[in-house]
């Protein structure tokens, strides 16, 4: 039961992170990014990868919150 719920959260979050990655990096060049005023020394591919996992984590958190808010009181109290 939890596997199905987990996949219902993770898979749409994966797709949303992919779309967000495309949208963000269509506007911003990874080599132009700075952290605390210092240019990032990572390669473009590394920045794409790190950003994707950050986006995926945020969208997983959002989807999890939505799933928790959708649960009935009986489901929460089990």
PDB file of N, CA and C in Angstrom:
ATOM      1  N   UNK A   1       0.819  -1.187   0.000  1.00  0.00           N
ATOM      2  CA  UNK A   1       0.000   0.000   0.000  1.00  0.00           C
ATOM      3  C   UNK A   1       0.872   1.264   0.000  1.00  0.00           C
ATOM      4  N   UNK A   2       1.904   1.280   0.837  1.00  0.00           N
ATOM      5  CA  UNK A   2       2.772   2.455   0.901  1.00  0.00           C
ATOM      6  C   UNK A   2       3.595   2.617  -0.374  1.00  0.00           C
ATOM      7  N   UNK A   3       3.909   1.499  -1.040  1.00  0.00           N
ATOM      8  CA  UNK A   3       4.675   1.598  -2.284  1.00  0.00           C
ATOM      9  C   UNK A   3       3.875   2.330  -3.356  1.00  0.00           C
ATOM     10  N   UNK A   4       2.603   2.042  -3.450  1.00  0.00           N
ATOM     11  CA  UNK A   4       1.750   2.708  -4.438  1.00  0.00           C
ATOM     12  C   UNK A   4       1.628   4.195  -4.124  1.00  0.00           C
ATOM     13  N   UNK A   5       1.466   4.528  -2.842  1.00  0.00           N
ATOM     14  CA  UNK A   5       1.381   5.943  -2.463  1.00  0.00           C
ATOM     15  C   UNK A   5       2.705   6.647  -2.721  1.00  0.00           C
ATOM     16  N   UNK A   6       3.805   5.969  -2.425  1.00  0.00           N
ATOM     17  CA  UNK A   6       5.126   6.557  -2.637  1.00  0.00           C
ATOM     18  C   UNK A   6       5.347   6.826  -4.130  1.00  0.00           C
ATOM     19  N   UNK A   7       4.970   5.887  -4.976  1.00  0.00           N
ATOM     20  CA  UNK A   7       5.128   6.096  -6.416  1.00  0.00           C
ATOM     21  C   UNK A   7       4.190   7.189  -6.926  1.00  0.00           C
ATOM     22  N   UNK A   8       3.018   7.316  -6.324  1.00  0.00           N
ATOM     23  CA  UNK A   8       2.090   8.376  -6.713  1.00  0.00           C
ATOM     24  C   UNK A   8       2.635   9.751  -6.327  1.00  0.00           C
ATOM     25  N   UNK A   9       3.585   9.793  -5.420  1.00  0.00           N
ATOM     26  CA  UNK A   9       4.229  11.049  -5.026  1.00  0.00           C
ATOM     27  C   UNK A   9       5.502  11.275  -5.842  1.00  0.00           C
ATOM     28  N   UNK A  10       6.349  10.253  -5.946  1.00  0.00           N
ATOM     29  CA  UNK A  10       7.678  10.416  -6.534  1.00  0.00           C
ATOM     30  C   UNK A  10       7.635  10.584  -8.055  1.00  0.00           C
ATOM     31  N   UNK A  11       6.793   9.826  -8.732  1.00  0.00           N
ATOM     32  CA  UNK A  11       6.791   9.889 -10.192  1.00  0.00           C
ATOM     33  C   UNK A  11       6.326  11.258 -10.714  1.00  0.00           C
ATOM     34  N   UNK A  12       5.193  11.801 -10.249  1.00  0.00           N
ATOM     35  CA  UNK A  12       4.829  13.145 -10.720  1.00  0.00           C
ATOM     36  C   UNK A  12       5.856  14.205 -10.308  1.00  0.00           C
ATOM     37  N   UNK A  13       6.474  14.037  -9.147  1.00  0.00           N
ATOM     38  CA  UNK A  13       7.506  14.979  -8.719  1.00  0.00           C
ATOM     39  C   UNK A  13       8.709  14.914  -9.651  1.00  0.00           C
ATOM     40  N   UNK A  14       9.057  13.725 -10.116  1.00  0.00           N
ATOM     41  CA  UNK A  14      10.158  13.560 -11.071  1.00  0.00           C
ATOM     42  C   UNK A  14       9.851  14.304 -12.368  1.00  0.00           C
ATOM     43  N   UNK A  15       8.633  14.141 -12.861  1.00  0.00           N
ATOM     44  CA  UNK A  15       8.240  14.822 -14.094  1.00  0.00           C
ATOM     45  C   UNK A  15       8.227  16.336 -13.906  1.00  0.00           C
ATOM     46  N   UNK A  16       7.720  16.794 -12.770  1.00  0.00           N
ATOM     47  CA  UNK A  16       7.687  18.232 -12.499  1.00  0.00           C
ATOM     48  C   UNK A  16       9.100  18.793 -12.380  1.00  0.00           C
ATOM     49  N   UNK A  17      10.003  18.052 -11.751  1.00  0.00           N
ATOM     50  CA  UNK A  17      11.389  18.507 -11.637  1.00  0.00           C
ATOM     51  C   UNK A  17      12.040  18.606 -13.007  1.00  0.00           C
ATOM     52  N   UNK A  18      11.730  17.692 -13.888  1.00  0.00           N
ATOM     53  CA  UNK A  18      12.265  17.757 -15.253  1.00  0.00           C
ATOM     54  C   UNK A  18      11.776  18.983 -16.000  1.00  0.00           C
ATOM     55  N   UNK A  19      10.495  19.282 -15.875  1.00  0.00           N
ATOM     56  CA  UNK A  19       9.933  20.467 -16.522  1.00  0.00           C
ATOM     57  C   UNK A  19      10.535  21.732 -15.913  1.00  0.00           C
ATOM     58  N   UNK A  20      10.670  21.759 -14.595  1.00  0.00           N
ATOM     59  CA  UNK A  20      11.265  22.914 -13.922  1.00  0.00           C
ATOM     60  C   UNK A  20      12.715  23.114 -14.340  1.00  0.00           C
ATOM     61  N   UNK A  21      13.439  22.019 -14.478  1.00  0.00           N
ATOM     62  CA  UNK A  21      14.837  22.085 -14.936  1.00  0.00           C
ATOM     63  C   UNK A  21      14.920  22.723 -16.325  1.00  0.00           C
ATOM     64  N   UNK A  22      14.064  22.297 -17.217  1.00  0.00           N
ATOM     65  CA  UNK A  22      14.047  22.850 -18.577  1.00  0.00           C
ATOM     66  C   UNK A  22      13.701  24.334 -18.542  1.00  0.00           C
ATOM     67  N   UNK A  23      12.694  24.687 -17.744  1.00  0.00           N
ATOM     68  CA  UNK A  23      12.260  26.086 -17.676  1.00  0.00           C
ATOM     69  C   UNK A  23      13.344  26.988 -17.094  1.00  0.00           C
ATOM     70  N   UNK A  24      13.990  26.553 -16.030  1.00  0.00           N
ATOM     71  CA  UNK A  24      15.008  27.383 -15.379  1.00  0.00           C
ATOM     72  C   UNK A  24      16.225  27.557 -16.271  1.00  0.00           C
ATOM     73  N   UNK A  25      16.725  26.467 -16.834  1.00  0.00           N
ATOM     74  CA  UNK A  25      17.955  26.559 -17.605  1.00  0.00           C
ATOM     75  C   UNK A  25      17.722  26.995 -19.054  1.00  0.00           C
ATOM     76  N   UNK A  26      16.482  27.193 -19.446  1.00  0.00           N
ATOM     77  CA  UNK A  26      16.216  27.866 -20.710  1.00  0.00           C
ATOM     78  C   UNK A  26      16.454  29.367 -20.566  1.00  0.00           C
ATOM     79  N   UNK A  27      16.383  29.845 -19.312  1.00  0.00           N
ATOM     80  CA  UNK A  27      16.560  31.267 -19.029  1.00  0.00           C
ATOM     81  C   UNK A  27      17.959  31.579 -18.508  1.00  0.00           C
ATOM     82  N   UNK A  28      18.493  30.700 -17.649  1.00  0.00           N
ATOM     83  CA  UNK A  28      19.783  30.940 -16.993  1.00  0.00           C
ATOM     84  C   UNK A  28      20.850  29.992 -17.509  1.00  0.00           C
ATOM     85  N   UNK A  29      22.044  30.523 -17.707  1.00  0.00           N
ATOM     86  CA  UNK A  29      23.207  29.712 -18.073  1.00  0.00           C
ATOM     87  C   UNK A  29      23.888  29.265 -16.778  1.00  0.00           C
ATOM     88  N   UNK A  30      24.128  27.975 -16.586  1.00  0.00           N
ATOM     89  CA  UNK A  30      24.750  27.505 -15.350  1.00  0.00           C
ATOM     90  C   UNK A  30      26.107  28.145 -15.063  1.00  0.00           C
ATOM     91  N   UNK A  31      26.831  28.525 -16.082  1.00  0.00           N
ATOM     92  CA  UNK A  31      28.155  29.128 -15.862  1.00  0.00           C
ATOM     93  C   UNK A  31      28.054  30.565 -15.347  1.00  0.00           C
ATOM     94  N   UNK A  32      26.888  31.185 -15.444  1.00  0.00           N
ATOM     95  CA  UNK A  32      26.695  32.551 -14.947  1.00  0.00           C
ATOM     96  C   UNK A  32      26.196  32.592 -13.502  1.00  0.00           C
ATOM     97  N   UNK A  33      25.965  31.433 -12.888  1.00  0.00           N
ATOM     98  CA  UNK A  33      25.433  31.394 -11.528  1.00  0.00           C
ATOM     99  C   UNK A  33      26.529  31.663 -10.507  1.00  0.00           C
ATOM    100  N   UNK A  34      26.155  32.339  -9.427  1.00  0.00           N
ATOM    101  CA  UNK A  34      27.071  32.660  -8.338  1.00  0.00           C
ATOM    102  C   UNK A  34      26.459  32.215  -7.015  1.00  0.00           C
ATOM    103  N   UNK A  35      27.292  31.856  -6.068  1.00  0.00           N
ATOM    104  CA  UNK A  35      26.855  31.499  -4.718  1.00  0.00           C
ATOM    105  C   UNK A  35      27.634  32.387  -3.753  1.00  0.00           C
ATOM    106  N   UNK A  36      26.922  33.253  -3.035  1.00  0.00           N
ATOM    107  CA  UNK A  36      27.537  34.226  -2.121  1.00  0.00           C
ATOM    108  C   UNK A  36      28.554  35.104  -2.849  1.00  0.00           C
ATOM    109  N   UNK A  37      28.247  35.482  -4.059  1.00  0.00           N
ATOM    110  CA  UNK A  37      29.120  36.355  -4.822  1.00  0.00           C
ATOM    111  C   UNK A  37      30.280  35.676  -5.518  1.00  0.00           C
ATOM    112  N   UNK A  38      30.407  34.377  -5.332  1.00  0.00           N
ATOM    113  CA  UNK A  38      31.515  33.624  -5.929  1.00  0.00           C
ATOM    114  C   UNK A  38      30.954  32.741  -7.043  1.00  0.00           C
ATOM    115  N   UNK A  39      31.554  32.796  -8.242  1.00  0.00           N
ATOM    116  CA  UNK A  39      31.067  31.926  -9.325  1.00  0.00           C
ATOM    117  C   UNK A  39      31.203  30.443  -8.953  1.00  0.00           C
ATOM    118  N   UNK A  40      30.234  29.660  -9.371  1.00  0.00           N
ATOM    119  CA  UNK A  40      30.292  28.220  -9.118  1.00  0.00           C
ATOM    120  C   UNK A  40      31.389  27.599  -9.970  1.00  0.00           C
ATOM    121  N   UNK A  41      32.164  26.705  -9.365  1.00  0.00           N
ATOM    122  CA  UNK A  41      33.277  26.082 -10.084  1.00  0.00           C
ATOM    123  C   UNK A  41      32.900  24.735 -10.681  1.00  0.00           C
ATOM    124  N   UNK A  42      31.651  24.347 -10.535  1.00  0.00           N
ATOM    125  CA  UNK A  42      31.200  23.064 -11.078  1.00  0.00           C
ATOM    126  C   UNK A  42      30.997  23.159 -12.581  1.00  0.00           C
ATOM    127  N   UNK A  43      31.053  22.022 -13.230  1.00  0.00           N
ATOM    128  CA  UNK A  43      30.765  21.985 -14.665  1.00  0.00           C
ATOM    129  C   UNK A  43      29.273  22.203 -14.896  1.00  0.00           C
ATOM    130  N   UNK A  44      28.917  22.489 -16.135  1.00  0.00           N
ATOM    131  CA  UNK A  44      27.495  22.665 -16.460  1.00  0.00           C
ATOM    132  C   UNK A  44      26.700  21.411 -16.104  1.00  0.00           C
ATOM    133  N   UNK A  45      27.237  20.264 -16.460  1.00  0.00           N
ATOM    134  CA  UNK A  45      26.521  19.013 -16.201  1.00  0.00           C
ATOM    135  C   UNK A  45      26.329  18.788 -14.702  1.00  0.00           C
ATOM    136  N   UNK A  46      27.327  19.119 -13.899  1.00  0.00           N
ATOM    137  CA  UNK A  46      27.198  18.975 -12.447  1.00  0.00           C
ATOM    138  C   UNK A  46      26.127  19.916 -11.907  1.00  0.00           C
ATOM    139  N   UNK A  47      26.080  21.139 -12.414  1.00  0.00           N
ATOM    140  CA  UNK A  47      25.060  22.092 -11.971  1.00  0.00           C
ATOM    141  C   UNK A  47      23.674  21.608 -12.377  1.00  0.00           C
ATOM    142  N   UNK A  48      23.544  21.094 -13.594  1.00  0.00           N
ATOM    143  CA  UNK A  48      22.261  20.536 -14.025  1.00  0.00           C
ATOM    144  C   UNK A  48      21.832  19.399 -13.098  1.00  0.00           C
ATOM    145  N   UNK A  49      22.761  18.542 -12.746  1.00  0.00           N
ATOM    146  CA  UNK A  49      22.451  17.383 -11.908  1.00  0.00           C
ATOM    147  C   UNK A  49      22.039  17.806 -10.508  1.00  0.00           C
ATOM    148  N   UNK A  50      22.827  18.674  -9.894  1.00  0.00           N
ATOM    149  CA  UNK A  50      22.514  19.141  -8.540  1.00  0.00           C
ATOM    150  C   UNK A  50      21.173  19.865  -8.537  1.00  0.00           C
ATOM    151  N   UNK A  51      20.960  20.721  -9.521  1.00  0.00           N
ATOM    152  CA  UNK A  51      19.699  21.460  -9.598  1.00  0.00           C
ATOM    153  C   UNK A  51      18.517  20.511  -9.768  1.00  0.00           C
ATOM    154  N   UNK A  52      18.681  19.481 -10.595  1.00  0.00           N
ATOM    155  CA  UNK A  52      17.583  18.538 -10.785  1.00  0.00           C
ATOM    156  C   UNK A  52      17.210  17.866  -9.470  1.00  0.00           C
ATOM    157  N   UNK A  53      18.201  17.425  -8.700  1.00  0.00           N
ATOM    158  CA  UNK A  53      17.886  16.753  -7.439  1.00  0.00           C
ATOM    159  C   UNK A  53      17.296  17.716  -6.412  1.00  0.00           C
ATOM    160  N   UNK A  54      17.713  18.967  -6.435  1.00  0.00           N
ATOM    161  CA  UNK A  54      17.093  19.965  -5.558  1.00  0.00           C
ATOM    162  C   UNK A  54      15.640  20.184  -5.969  1.00  0.00           C
ATOM    163  N   UNK A  55      15.401  20.358  -7.262  1.00  0.00           N
ATOM    164  CA  UNK A  55      14.030  20.533  -7.751  1.00  0.00           C
ATOM    165  C   UNK A  55      13.181  19.312  -7.432  1.00  0.00           C
ATOM    166  N   UNK A  56      13.747  18.123  -7.594  1.00  0.00           N
ATOM    167  CA  UNK A  56      13.008  16.889  -7.310  1.00  0.00           C
ATOM    168  C   UNK A  56      12.664  16.813  -5.826  1.00  0.00           C
ATOM    169  N   UNK A  57      13.606  17.153  -4.971  1.00  0.00           N
ATOM    170  CA  UNK A  57      13.341  17.130  -3.531  1.00  0.00           C
ATOM    171  C   UNK A  57      12.234  18.100  -3.137  1.00  0.00           C
ATOM    172  N   UNK A  58      12.255  19.282  -3.708  1.00  0.00           N
ATOM    173  CA  UNK A  58      11.219  20.277  -3.399  1.00  0.00           C
ATOM    174  C   UNK A  58       9.859  19.808  -3.895  1.00  0.00           C
ATOM    175  N   UNK A  59       9.814  19.245  -5.093  1.00  0.00           N
ATOM    176  CA  UNK A  59       8.530  18.782  -5.617  1.00  0.00           C
ATOM    177  C   UNK A  59       8.041  17.527  -4.892  1.00  0.00           C
ATOM    178  N   UNK A  60       8.947  16.688  -4.399  1.00  0.00           N
ATOM    179  CA  UNK A  60       8.538  15.551  -3.557  1.00  0.00           C
ATOM    180  C   UNK A  60       7.918  16.067  -2.275  1.00  0.00           C
ATOM    181  N   UNK A  61       8.544  17.072  -1.658  1.00  0.00           N
ATOM    182  CA  UNK A  61       7.997  17.647  -0.430  1.00  0.00           C
ATOM    183  C   UNK A  61       6.613  18.236  -0.676  1.00  0.00           C
ATOM    184  N   UNK A  62       6.453  18.923  -1.785  1.00  0.00           N
ATOM    185  CA  UNK A  62       5.159  19.507  -2.128  1.00  0.00           C
ATOM    186  C   UNK A  62       4.106  18.426  -2.366  1.00  0.00           C
ATOM    187  N   UNK A  63       4.468  17.393  -3.110  1.00  0.00           N
ATOM    188  CA  UNK A  63       3.522  16.304  -3.383  1.00  0.00           C
ATOM    189  C   UNK A  63       3.175  15.534  -2.112  1.00  0.00           C
ATOM    190  N   UNK A  64       4.152  15.351  -1.234  1.00  0.00           N
ATOM    191  CA  UNK A  64       3.902  14.658   0.034  1.00  0.00           C
ATOM    192  C   UNK A  64       2.937  15.462   0.899  1.00  0.00           C
ATOM    193  N   UNK A  65       3.145  16.756   0.962  1.00  0.00           N
ATOM    194  CA  UNK A  65       2.240  17.610   1.729  1.00  0.00           C
ATOM    195  C   UNK A  65       0.825  17.549   1.163  1.00  0.00           C
ATOM    196  N   UNK A  66       0.705  17.557  -0.153  1.00  0.00           N
ATOM    197  CA  UNK A  66      -0.607  17.436  -0.778  1.00  0.00           C
ATOM    198  C   UNK A  66      -1.259  16.100  -0.430  1.00  0.00           C
ATOM    199  N   UNK A  67      -0.484  15.019  -0.466  1.00  0.00           N
ATOM    200  CA  UNK A  67      -1.022  13.696  -0.134  1.00  0.00           C
ATOM    201  C   UNK A  67      -1.450  13.624   1.331  1.00  0.00           C
ATOM    202  N   UNK A  68      -0.664  14.232   2.218  1.00  0.00           N
ATOM    203  CA  UNK A  68      -1.028  14.232   3.637  1.00  0.00           C
ATOM    204  C   UNK A  68      -2.285  15.052   3.886  1.00  0.00           C
ATOM    205  N   UNK A  69      -2.410  16.178   3.215  1.00  0.00           N
ATOM    206  CA  UNK A  69      -3.603  17.005   3.397  1.00  0.00           C
ATOM    207  C   UNK A  69      -4.846  16.365   2.798  1.00  0.00           C
ATOM    208  N   UNK A  70      -4.664  15.454   1.861  1.00  0.00           N
ATOM    209  CA  UNK A  70      -5.776  14.759   1.224  1.00  0.00           C
ATOM    210  C   UNK A  70      -6.281  13.569   2.051  1.00  0.00           C
ATOM    211  N   UNK A  71      -5.509  13.163   3.049  1.00  0.00           N
ATOM    212  CA  UNK A  71      -5.891  12.006   3.861  1.00  0.00           C
ATOM    213  C   UNK A  71      -7.038  12.362   4.815  1.00  0.00           C
ATOM    214  N   UNK A  72      -7.897  11.378   5.065  1.00  0.00           N
ATOM    215  CA  UNK A  72      -8.987  11.590   6.032  1.00  0.00           C
ATOM    216  C   UNK A  72      -8.429  11.471   7.448  1.00  0.00           C
ATOM    217  N   UNK A  73      -9.206  11.885   8.418  1.00  0.00           N
ATOM    218  CA  UNK A  73      -8.781  11.822   9.815  1.00  0.00           C
ATOM    219  C   UNK A  73      -8.529  10.375  10.240  1.00  0.00           C
ATOM    220  N   UNK A  74      -9.358   9.455   9.729  1.00  0.00           N
ATOM    221  CA  UNK A  74      -9.177   8.040  10.085  1.00  0.00           C
ATOM    222  C   UNK A  74      -7.851   7.499   9.560  1.00  0.00           C
ATOM    223  N   UNK A  75      -7.458   7.886   8.344  1.00  0.00           N
ATOM    224  CA  UNK A  75      -6.190   7.447   7.776  1.00  0.00           C
ATOM    225  C   UNK A  75      -5.012   8.011   8.553  1.00  0.00           C
ATOM    226  N   UNK A  76      -5.123   9.248   8.988  1.00  0.00           N
ATOM    227  CA  UNK A  76      -4.041   9.883   9.730  1.00  0.00           C
ATOM    228  C   UNK A  76      -3.868   9.232  11.097  1.00  0.00           C
ATOM    229  N   UNK A  77      -4.951   8.859  11.748  1.00  0.00           N
ATOM    230  CA  UNK A  77      -4.912   8.317  13.101  1.00  0.00           C
ATOM    231  C   UNK A  77      -4.615   6.831  13.176  1.00  0.00           C
ATOM    232  N   UNK A  78      -4.403   6.175  12.061  1.00  0.00           N
ATOM    233  CA  UNK A  78      -4.107   4.735  12.081  1.00  0.00           C
ATOM    234  C   UNK A  78      -2.725   4.475  12.556  1.00  0.00           C
TER     235      UNK A  78
END
